[in-house]
mmCIF file of all heavy atoms, coordinates in Angstrom:
data_MODEL
# 
_entry.id   MODEL 
# 
loop_
_atom_site.group_PDB 
_atom_site.id 
_atom_site.type_symbol 
_atom_site.label_atom_id 
_atom_site.label_alt_id 
_atom_site.label_comp_id 
_atom_site.label_asym_id 
_atom_site.label_entity_id 
_atom_site.label_seq_id 
_atom_site.pdbx_PDB_ins_code 
_atom_site.Cartn_x 
_atom_site.Cartn_y 
_atom_site.Cartn_z 
_atom_site.occupancy 
_atom_site.B_iso_or_equiv 
_atom_site.pdbx_formal_charge 
_atom_site.auth_seq_id 
_atom_site.auth_comp_id 
_atom_site.auth_asym_id 
_atom_site.auth_atom_id 
_atom_site.pdbx_PDB_model_num 
ATOM 1   N N   . PRO A 1 1  ? 0.826  -1.213  0.000  1.00 0.00 ? 1  PRO A N   1 
ATOM 2   C CA  . PRO A 1 1  ? 0.000  0.000   0.000  1.00 0.00 ? 1  PRO A CA  1 
ATOM 3   C C   . PRO A 1 1  ? 0.860  1.262   0.000  1.00 0.00 ? 1  PRO A C   1 
ATOM 4   O O   . PRO A 1 1  ? 2.028  1.240   0.391  1.00 0.00 ? 1  PRO A O   1 
ATOM 5   C CB  . PRO A 1 1  ? -0.793 -0.125  1.318  1.00 0.00 ? 1  PRO A CB  1 
ATOM 6   C CG  . PRO A 1 1  ? -0.678 -1.558  1.727  1.00 0.00 ? 1  PRO A CG  1 
ATOM 7   C CD  . PRO A 1 1  ? 0.631  -2.031  1.210  1.00 0.00 ? 1  PRO A CD  1 
ATOM 8   N N   . ALA A 1 2  ? 0.262  2.344   -0.404 1.00 0.00 ? 2  ALA A N   1 
ATOM 9   C CA  . ALA A 1 2  ? 0.966  3.625   -0.414 1.00 0.00 ? 2  ALA A CA  1 
ATOM 10  C C   . ALA A 1 2  ? 1.438  3.962   0.996  1.00 0.00 ? 2  ALA A C   1 
ATOM 11  O O   . ALA A 1 2  ? 0.704  3.818   1.973  1.00 0.00 ? 2  ALA A O   1 
ATOM 12  C CB  . ALA A 1 2  ? 0.059  4.726   -0.945 1.00 0.00 ? 2  ALA A CB  1 
ATOM 13  N N   . GLY A 1 3  ? 2.703  4.410   1.122  1.00 0.00 ? 3  GLY A N   1 
ATOM 14  C CA  . GLY A 1 3  ? 3.261  4.786   2.415  1.00 0.00 ? 3  GLY A CA  1 
ATOM 15  C C   . GLY A 1 3  ? 3.966  3.656   3.132  1.00 0.00 ? 3  GLY A C   1 
ATOM 16  O O   . GLY A 1 3  ? 4.571  3.864   4.192  1.00 0.00 ? 3  GLY A O   1 
ATOM 17  N N   . TYR A 1 4  ? 3.934  2.437   2.577  1.00 0.00 ? 4  TYR A N   1 
ATOM 18  C CA  . TYR A 1 4  ? 4.588  1.281   3.191  1.00 0.00 ? 4  TYR A CA  1 
ATOM 19  C C   . TYR A 1 4  ? 5.917  0.986   2.485  1.00 0.00 ? 4  TYR A C   1 
ATOM 20  O O   . TYR A 1 4  ? 6.090  1.282   1.301  1.00 0.00 ? 4  TYR A O   1 
ATOM 21  C CB  . TYR A 1 4  ? 3.683  0.053   3.153  1.00 0.00 ? 4  TYR A CB  1 
ATOM 22  C CG  . TYR A 1 4  ? 2.635  0.055   4.233  1.00 0.00 ? 4  TYR A CG  1 
ATOM 23  C CD1 . TYR A 1 4  ? 1.613  1.008   4.245  1.00 0.00 ? 4  TYR A CD1 1 
ATOM 24  C CD2 . TYR A 1 4  ? 2.664  -0.873  5.262  1.00 0.00 ? 4  TYR A CD2 1 
ATOM 25  C CE1 . TYR A 1 4  ? 0.656  1.025   5.247  1.00 0.00 ? 4  TYR A CE1 1 
ATOM 26  C CE2 . TYR A 1 4  ? 1.711  -0.871  6.270  1.00 0.00 ? 4  TYR A CE2 1 
ATOM 27  C CZ  . TYR A 1 4  ? 0.706  0.083   6.252  1.00 0.00 ? 4  TYR A CZ  1 
ATOM 28  O OH  . TYR A 1 4  ? -0.236 0.097   7.254  1.00 0.00 ? 4  TYR A OH  1 
ATOM 29  N N   . ILE A 1 5  ? 6.852  0.409   3.234  1.00 0.00 ? 5  ILE A N   1 
ATOM 30  C CA  . ILE A 1 5  ? 8.209  0.179   2.730  1.00 0.00 ? 5  ILE A CA  1 
ATOM 31  C C   . ILE A 1 5  ? 8.229  -1.004  1.772  1.00 0.00 ? 5  ILE A C   1 
ATOM 32  O O   . ILE A 1 5  ? 7.741  -2.087  2.087  1.00 0.00 ? 5  ILE A O   1 
ATOM 33  C CB  . ILE A 1 5  ? 9.181  -0.052  3.898  1.00 0.00 ? 5  ILE A CB  1 
ATOM 34  C CG1 . ILE A 1 5  ? 9.277  1.230   4.754  1.00 0.00 ? 5  ILE A CG1 1 
ATOM 35  C CG2 . ILE A 1 5  ? 10.566 -0.456  3.403  1.00 0.00 ? 5  ILE A CG2 1 
ATOM 36  C CD1 . ILE A 1 5  ? 10.079 1.053   6.033  1.00 0.00 ? 5  ILE A CD1 1 
ATOM 37  N N   . VAL A 1 6  ? 8.843  -0.789  0.599  1.00 0.00 ? 6  VAL A N   1 
ATOM 38  C CA  . VAL A 1 6  ? 8.961  -1.817  -0.429 1.00 0.00 ? 6  VAL A CA  1 
ATOM 39  C C   . VAL A 1 6  ? 10.286 -2.571  -0.293 1.00 0.00 ? 6  VAL A C   1 
ATOM 40  O O   . VAL A 1 6  ? 10.343 -3.789  -0.418 1.00 0.00 ? 6  VAL A O   1 
ATOM 41  C CB  . VAL A 1 6  ? 8.850  -1.193  -1.833 1.00 0.00 ? 6  VAL A CB  1 
ATOM 42  C CG1 . VAL A 1 6  ? 9.096  -2.234  -2.920 1.00 0.00 ? 6  VAL A CG1 1 
ATOM 43  C CG2 . VAL A 1 6  ? 7.492  -0.526  -2.012 1.00 0.00 ? 6  VAL A CG2 1 
ATOM 44  N N   . SER A 1 7  ? 11.371 -1.858  -0.017 1.00 0.00 ? 7  SER A N   1 
ATOM 45  C CA  . SER A 1 7  ? 12.689 -2.483  0.135  1.00 0.00 ? 7  SER A CA  1 
ATOM 46  C C   . SER A 1 7  ? 13.570 -1.583  0.994  1.00 0.00 ? 7  SER A C   1 
ATOM 47  O O   . SER A 1 7  ? 13.236 -0.416  1.256  1.00 0.00 ? 7  SER A O   1 
ATOM 48  C CB  . SER A 1 7  ? 13.339 -2.718  -1.230 1.00 0.00 ? 7  SER A CB  1 
ATOM 49  O OG  . SER A 1 7  ? 13.582 -1.468  -1.883 1.00 0.00 ? 7  SER A OG  1 
ATOM 50  N N   . GLN A 1 8  ? 14.700 -2.138  1.461  1.00 0.00 ? 8  GLN A N   1 
ATOM 51  C CA  . GLN A 1 8  ? 15.636 -1.396  2.311  1.00 0.00 ? 8  GLN A CA  1 
ATOM 52  C C   . GLN A 1 8  ? 17.055 -1.686  1.865  1.00 0.00 ? 8  GLN A C   1 
ATOM 53  O O   . GLN A 1 8  ? 17.360 -2.769  1.369  1.00 0.00 ? 8  GLN A O   1 
ATOM 54  C CB  . GLN A 1 8  ? 15.446 -1.786  3.777  1.00 0.00 ? 8  GLN A CB  1 
ATOM 55  C CG  . GLN A 1 8  ? 15.600 -3.268  4.065  1.00 0.00 ? 8  GLN A CG  1 
ATOM 56  C CD  . GLN A 1 8  ? 15.126 -3.652  5.462  1.00 0.00 ? 8  GLN A CD  1 
ATOM 57  O OE1 . GLN A 1 8  ? 13.975 -3.399  5.829  1.00 0.00 ? 8  GLN A OE1 1 
ATOM 58  N NE2 . GLN A 1 8  ? 16.018 -4.264  6.232  1.00 0.00 ? 8  GLN A NE2 1 
ATOM 59  N N   . SER A 1 9  ? 17.925 -0.692  2.026  1.00 0.00 ? 9  SER A N   1 
ATOM 60  C CA  . SER A 1 9  ? 19.299 -0.825  1.547  1.00 0.00 ? 9  SER A CA  1 
ATOM 61  C C   . SER A 1 9  ? 20.182 -1.624  2.499  1.00 0.00 ? 9  SER A C   1 
ATOM 62  O O   . SER A 1 9  ? 21.239 -2.108  2.099  1.00 0.00 ? 9  SER A O   1 
ATOM 63  C CB  . SER A 1 9  ? 19.910 0.571   1.341  1.00 0.00 ? 9  SER A CB  1 
ATOM 64  O OG  . SER A 1 9  ? 19.944 1.289   2.570  1.00 0.00 ? 9  SER A OG  1 
ATOM 65  N N   . VAL A 1 10 ? 19.763 -1.789  3.753  1.00 0.00 ? 10 VAL A N   1 
ATOM 66  C CA  . VAL A 1 10 ? 20.531 -2.558  4.739  1.00 0.00 ? 10 VAL A CA  1 
ATOM 67  C C   . VAL A 1 10 ? 19.827 -3.890  4.976  1.00 0.00 ? 10 VAL A C   1 
ATOM 68  O O   . VAL A 1 10 ? 18.617 -3.920  5.229  1.00 0.00 ? 10 VAL A O   1 
ATOM 69  C CB  . VAL A 1 10 ? 20.654 -1.789  6.074  1.00 0.00 ? 10 VAL A CB  1 
ATOM 70  C CG1 . VAL A 1 10 ? 21.456 -2.602  7.086  1.00 0.00 ? 10 VAL A CG1 1 
ATOM 71  C CG2 . VAL A 1 10 ? 21.307 -0.428  5.857  1.00 0.00 ? 10 VAL A CG2 1 
ATOM 72  N N   . LYS A 1 11 ? 20.564 -4.980  4.901  1.00 0.00 ? 11 LYS A N   1 
ATOM 73  C CA  . LYS A 1 11 ? 19.967 -6.300  5.093  1.00 0.00 ? 11 LYS A CA  1 
ATOM 74  C C   . LYS A 1 11 ? 19.471 -6.460  6.523  1.00 0.00 ? 11 LYS A C   1 
ATOM 75  O O   . LYS A 1 11 ? 20.086 -5.968  7.472  1.00 0.00 ? 11 LYS A O   1 
ATOM 76  C CB  . LYS A 1 11 ? 20.978 -7.388  4.762  1.00 0.00 ? 11 LYS A CB  1 
ATOM 77  C CG  . LYS A 1 11 ? 21.338 -7.444  3.277  1.00 0.00 ? 11 LYS A CG  1 
ATOM 78  C CD  . LYS A 1 11 ? 22.305 -8.584  2.989  1.00 0.00 ? 11 LYS A CD  1 
ATOM 79  C CE  . LYS A 1 11 ? 22.623 -8.658  1.499  1.00 0.00 ? 11 LYS A CE  1 
ATOM 80  N NZ  . LYS A 1 11 ? 23.577 -9.760  1.204  1.00 0.00 ? 11 LYS A NZ  1 
ATOM 81  N N   . ALA A 1 12 ? 18.376 -7.193  6.681  1.00 0.00 ? 12 ALA A N   1 
ATOM 82  C CA  . ALA A 1 12 ? 17.723 -7.344  7.986  1.00 0.00 ? 12 ALA A CA  1 
ATOM 83  C C   . ALA A 1 12 ? 18.650 -7.952  9.029  1.00 0.00 ? 12 ALA A C   1 
ATOM 84  O O   . ALA A 1 12 ? 18.652 -7.545  10.190 1.00 0.00 ? 12 ALA A O   1 
ATOM 85  C CB  . ALA A 1 12 ? 16.461 -8.193  7.856  1.00 0.00 ? 12 ALA A CB  1 
ATOM 86  N N   . GLU A 1 13 ? 19.462 -8.944  8.669  1.00 0.00 ? 13 GLU A N   1 
ATOM 87  C CA  . GLU A 1 13 ? 20.283 -9.668  9.633  1.00 0.00 ? 13 GLU A CA  1 
ATOM 88  C C   . GLU A 1 13 ? 21.617 -8.993  9.920  1.00 0.00 ? 13 GLU A C   1 
ATOM 89  O O   . GLU A 1 13 ? 22.369 -9.451  10.783 1.00 0.00 ? 13 GLU A O   1 
ATOM 90  C CB  . GLU A 1 13 ? 20.541 -11.093 9.131  1.00 0.00 ? 13 GLU A CB  1 
ATOM 91  C CG  . GLU A 1 13 ? 19.283 -11.921 8.942  1.00 0.00 ? 13 GLU A CG  1 
ATOM 92  C CD  . GLU A 1 13 ? 18.494 -12.054 10.227 1.00 0.00 ? 13 GLU A CD  1 
ATOM 93  O OE1 . GLU A 1 13 ? 19.109 -12.129 11.301 1.00 0.00 ? 13 GLU A OE1 1 
ATOM 94  O OE2 . GLU A 1 13 ? 17.242 -12.070 10.166 1.00 0.00 ? 13 GLU A OE2 1 
ATOM 95  N N   . LYS A 1 14 ? 21.916 -7.906  9.246  1.00 0.00 ? 14 LYS A N   1 
ATOM 96  C CA  . LYS A 1 14 ? 23.207 -7.244  9.439  1.00 0.00 ? 14 LYS A CA  1 
ATOM 97  C C   . LYS A 1 14 ? 23.290 -6.620  10.828 1.00 0.00 ? 14 LYS A C   1 
ATOM 98  O O   . LYS A 1 14 ? 22.368 -5.970  11.295 1.00 0.00 ? 14 LYS A O   1 
ATOM 99  C CB  . LYS A 1 14 ? 23.408 -6.172  8.372  1.00 0.00 ? 14 LYS A CB  1 
ATOM 100 C CG  . LYS A 1 14 ? 24.799 -5.539  8.422  1.00 0.00 ? 14 LYS A CG  1 
ATOM 101 C CD  . LYS A 1 14 ? 25.017 -4.571  7.266  1.00 0.00 ? 14 LYS A CD  1 
ATOM 102 C CE  . LYS A 1 14 ? 26.427 -3.988  7.319  1.00 0.00 ? 14 LYS A CE  1 
ATOM 103 N NZ  . LYS A 1 14 ? 26.675 -3.041  6.216  1.00 0.00 ? 14 LYS A NZ  1 
ATOM 104 N N   . GLN A 1 15 ? 24.439 -6.832  11.499 1.00 0.00 ? 15 GLN A N   1 
ATOM 105 C CA  . GLN A 1 15 ? 24.689 -6.237  12.802 1.00 0.00 ? 15 GLN A CA  1 
ATOM 106 C C   . GLN A 1 15 ? 25.311 -4.851  12.588 1.00 0.00 ? 15 GLN A C   1 
ATOM 107 O O   . GLN A 1 15 ? 26.351 -4.723  11.934 1.00 0.00 ? 15 GLN A O   1 
ATOM 108 C CB  . GLN A 1 15 ? 25.645 -7.111  13.626 1.00 0.00 ? 15 GLN A CB  1 
ATOM 109 C CG  . GLN A 1 15 ? 25.073 -8.486  13.964 1.00 0.00 ? 15 GLN A CG  1 
ATOM 110 C CD  . GLN A 1 15 ? 23.937 -8.387  14.965 1.00 0.00 ? 15 GLN A CD  1 
ATOM 111 O OE1 . GLN A 1 15 ? 23.986 -7.611  15.918 1.00 0.00 ? 15 GLN A OE1 1 
ATOM 112 N NE2 . GLN A 1 15 ? 22.896 -9.186  14.749 1.00 0.00 ? 15 GLN A NE2 1 
ATOM 113 N N   . VAL A 1 16 ? 24.678 -3.822  13.109 1.00 0.00 ? 16 VAL A N   1 
ATOM 114 C CA  . VAL A 1 16 ? 25.108 -2.450  12.834 1.00 0.00 ? 16 VAL A CA  1 
ATOM 115 C C   . VAL A 1 16 ? 25.157 -1.628  14.120 1.00 0.00 ? 16 VAL A C   1 
ATOM 116 O O   . VAL A 1 16 ? 24.559 -1.990  15.133 1.00 0.00 ? 16 VAL A O   1 
ATOM 117 C CB  . VAL A 1 16 ? 24.151 -1.758  11.829 1.00 0.00 ? 16 VAL A CB  1 
ATOM 118 C CG1 . VAL A 1 16 ? 24.149 -2.489  10.501 1.00 0.00 ? 16 VAL A CG1 1 
ATOM 119 C CG2 . VAL A 1 16 ? 22.738 -1.704  12.398 1.00 0.00 ? 16 VAL A CG2 1 
ATOM 120 N N   . VAL A 1 17 ? 25.877 -0.515  14.037 1.00 0.00 ? 17 VAL A N   1 
ATOM 121 C CA  . VAL A 1 17 ? 25.891 0.483   15.104 1.00 0.00 ? 17 VAL A CA  1 
ATOM 122 C C   . VAL A 1 17 ? 24.934 1.596   14.685 1.00 0.00 ? 17 VAL A C   1 
ATOM 123 O O   . VAL A 1 17 ? 25.156 2.238   13.648 1.00 0.00 ? 17 VAL A O   1 
ATOM 124 C CB  . VAL A 1 17 ? 27.303 1.060   15.314 1.00 0.00 ? 17 VAL A CB  1 
ATOM 125 C CG1 . VAL A 1 17 ? 27.285 2.143   16.386 1.00 0.00 ? 17 VAL A CG1 1 
ATOM 126 C CG2 . VAL A 1 17 ? 28.281 -0.042  15.697 1.00 0.00 ? 17 VAL A CG2 1 
ATOM 127 N N   . PRO A 1 18 ? 23.851 1.819   15.420 1.00 0.00 ? 18 PRO A N   1 
ATOM 128 C CA  . PRO A 1 18 ? 22.833 2.788   14.980 1.00 0.00 ? 18 PRO A CA  1 
ATOM 129 C C   . PRO A 1 18 ? 23.394 4.143   14.582 1.00 0.00 ? 18 PRO A C   1 
ATOM 130 O O   . PRO A 1 18 ? 23.042 4.674   13.522 1.00 0.00 ? 18 PRO A O   1 
ATOM 131 C CB  . PRO A 1 18 ? 21.911 2.890   16.207 1.00 0.00 ? 18 PRO A CB  1 
ATOM 132 C CG  . PRO A 1 18 ? 22.013 1.544   16.846 1.00 0.00 ? 18 PRO A CG  1 
ATOM 133 C CD  . PRO A 1 18 ? 23.447 1.124   16.656 1.00 0.00 ? 18 PRO A CD  1 
ATOM 134 N N   . GLY A 1 19 ? 24.271 4.707   15.392 1.00 0.00 ? 19 GLY A N   1 
ATOM 135 C CA  . GLY A 1 19 ? 24.766 6.050   15.113 1.00 0.00 ? 19 GLY A CA  1 
ATOM 136 C C   . GLY A 1 19 ? 25.662 6.135   13.894 1.00 0.00 ? 19 GLY A C   1 
ATOM 137 O O   . GLY A 1 19 ? 25.917 7.228   13.384 1.00 0.00 ? 19 GLY A O   1 
ATOM 138 N N   . ASP A 1 20 ? 26.150 4.993   13.412 1.00 0.00 ? 20 ASP A N   1 
ATOM 139 C CA  . ASP A 1 20 ? 27.054 4.974   12.259 1.00 0.00 ? 20 ASP A CA  1 
ATOM 140 C C   . ASP A 1 20 ? 26.392 4.405   11.007 1.00 0.00 ? 20 ASP A C   1 
ATOM 141 O O   . ASP A 1 20 ? 27.074 4.119   10.028 1.00 0.00 ? 20 ASP A O   1 
ATOM 142 C CB  . ASP A 1 20 ? 28.302 4.134   12.579 1.00 0.00 ? 20 ASP A CB  1 
ATOM 143 C CG  . ASP A 1 20 ? 29.101 4.708   13.733 1.00 0.00 ? 20 ASP A CG  1 
ATOM 144 O OD1 . ASP A 1 20 ? 28.976 5.924   13.981 1.00 0.00 ? 20 ASP A OD1 1 
ATOM 145 O OD2 . ASP A 1 20 ? 29.843 3.940   14.385 1.00 0.00 ? 20 ASP A OD2 1 
ATOM 146 N N   . THR A 1 21 ? 25.088 4.228   11.038 1.00 0.00 ? 21 THR A N   1 
ATOM 147 C CA  . THR A 1 21 ? 24.404 3.525   9.940  1.00 0.00 ? 21 THR A CA  1 
ATOM 148 C C   . THR A 1 21 ? 23.417 4.429   9.212  1.00 0.00 ? 21 THR A C   1 
ATOM 149 O O   . THR A 1 21 ? 22.615 5.116   9.837  1.00 0.00 ? 21 THR A O   1 
ATOM 150 C CB  . THR A 1 21 ? 23.658 2.290   10.473 1.00 0.00 ? 21 THR A CB  1 
ATOM 151 O OG1 . THR A 1 21 ? 24.582 1.450   11.170 1.00 0.00 ? 21 THR A OG1 1 
ATOM 152 C CG2 . THR A 1 21 ? 23.018 1.509   9.345  1.00 0.00 ? 21 THR A CG2 1 
ATOM 153 N N   . SER A 1 22 ? 23.509 4.393   7.889  1.00 0.00 ? 22 SER A N   1 
ATOM 154 C CA  . SER A 1 22 ? 22.572 5.119   7.034  1.00 0.00 ? 22 SER A CA  1 
ATOM 155 C C   . SER A 1 22 ? 21.779 4.100   6.227  1.00 0.00 ? 22 SER A C   1 
ATOM 156 O O   . SER A 1 22 ? 22.338 3.131   5.714  1.00 0.00 ? 22 SER A O   1 
ATOM 157 C CB  . SER A 1 22 ? 23.322 6.060   6.092  1.00 0.00 ? 22 SER A CB  1 
ATOM 158 O OG  . SER A 1 22 ? 22.435 6.701   5.201  1.00 0.00 ? 22 SER A OG  1 
ATOM 159 N N   . VAL A 1 23 ? 20.484 4.303   6.112  1.00 0.00 ? 23 VAL A N   1 
ATOM 160 C CA  . VAL A 1 23 ? 19.631 3.368   5.378  1.00 0.00 ? 23 VAL A CA  1 
ATOM 161 C C   . VAL A 1 23 ? 18.710 4.141   4.451  1.00 0.00 ? 23 VAL A C   1 
ATOM 162 O O   . VAL A 1 23 ? 18.249 5.234   4.776  1.00 0.00 ? 23 VAL A O   1 
ATOM 163 C CB  . VAL A 1 23 ? 18.797 2.495   6.352  1.00 0.00 ? 23 VAL A CB  1 
ATOM 164 C CG1 . VAL A 1 23 ? 17.918 3.355   7.236  1.00 0.00 ? 23 VAL A CG1 1 
ATOM 165 C CG2 . VAL A 1 23 ? 17.949 1.477   5.590  1.00 0.00 ? 23 VAL A CG2 1 
ATOM 166 N N   . THR A 1 24 ? 18.469 3.558   3.290  1.00 0.00 ? 24 THR A N   1 
ATOM 167 C CA  . THR A 1 24 ? 17.533 4.141   2.332  1.00 0.00 ? 24 THR A CA  1 
ATOM 168 C C   . THR A 1 24 ? 16.365 3.179   2.152  1.00 0.00 ? 24 THR A C   1 
ATOM 169 O O   . THR A 1 24 ? 16.569 1.993   1.855  1.00 0.00 ? 24 THR A O   1 
ATOM 170 C CB  . THR A 1 24 ? 18.206 4.392   0.979  1.00 0.00 ? 24 THR A CB  1 
ATOM 171 O OG1 . THR A 1 24 ? 19.282 5.317   1.152  1.00 0.00 ? 24 THR A OG1 1 
ATOM 172 C CG2 . THR A 1 24 ? 17.199 4.960   -0.030 1.00 0.00 ? 24 THR A CG2 1 
ATOM 173 N N   . PHE A 1 25 ? 15.175 3.683   2.348  1.00 0.00 ? 25 PHE A N   1 
ATOM 174 C CA  . PHE A 1 25 ? 13.968 2.884   2.162  1.00 0.00 ? 25 PHE A CA  1 
ATOM 175 C C   . PHE A 1 25 ? 13.280 3.304   0.861  1.00 0.00 ? 25 PHE A C   1 
ATOM 176 O O   . PHE A 1 25 ? 13.143 4.504   0.583  1.00 0.00 ? 25 PHE A O   1 
ATOM 177 C CB  . PHE A 1 25 ? 12.987 3.093   3.315  1.00 0.00 ? 25 PHE A CB  1 
ATOM 178 C CG  . PHE A 1 25 ? 13.437 2.494   4.619  1.00 0.00 ? 25 PHE A CG  1 
ATOM 179 C CD1 . PHE A 1 25 ? 13.738 3.311   5.698  1.00 0.00 ? 25 PHE A CD1 1 
ATOM 180 C CD2 . PHE A 1 25 ? 13.559 1.123   4.765  1.00 0.00 ? 25 PHE A CD2 1 
ATOM 181 C CE1 . PHE A 1 25 ? 14.153 2.769   6.900  1.00 0.00 ? 25 PHE A CE1 1 
ATOM 182 C CE2 . PHE A 1 25 ? 13.966 0.565   5.965  1.00 0.00 ? 25 PHE A CE2 1 
ATOM 183 C CZ  . PHE A 1 25 ? 14.268 1.388   7.037  1.00 0.00 ? 25 PHE A CZ  1 
# 
C-alpha cells in the first residue's frame, strides 16, 4: 500500500551500530 516500505538498503540480519548507519527505504 501507499506509504509502506517496499525495500531497504541494509539487510535485515546485518549487525550495525545505529549512530554509524545510514539506510535508504
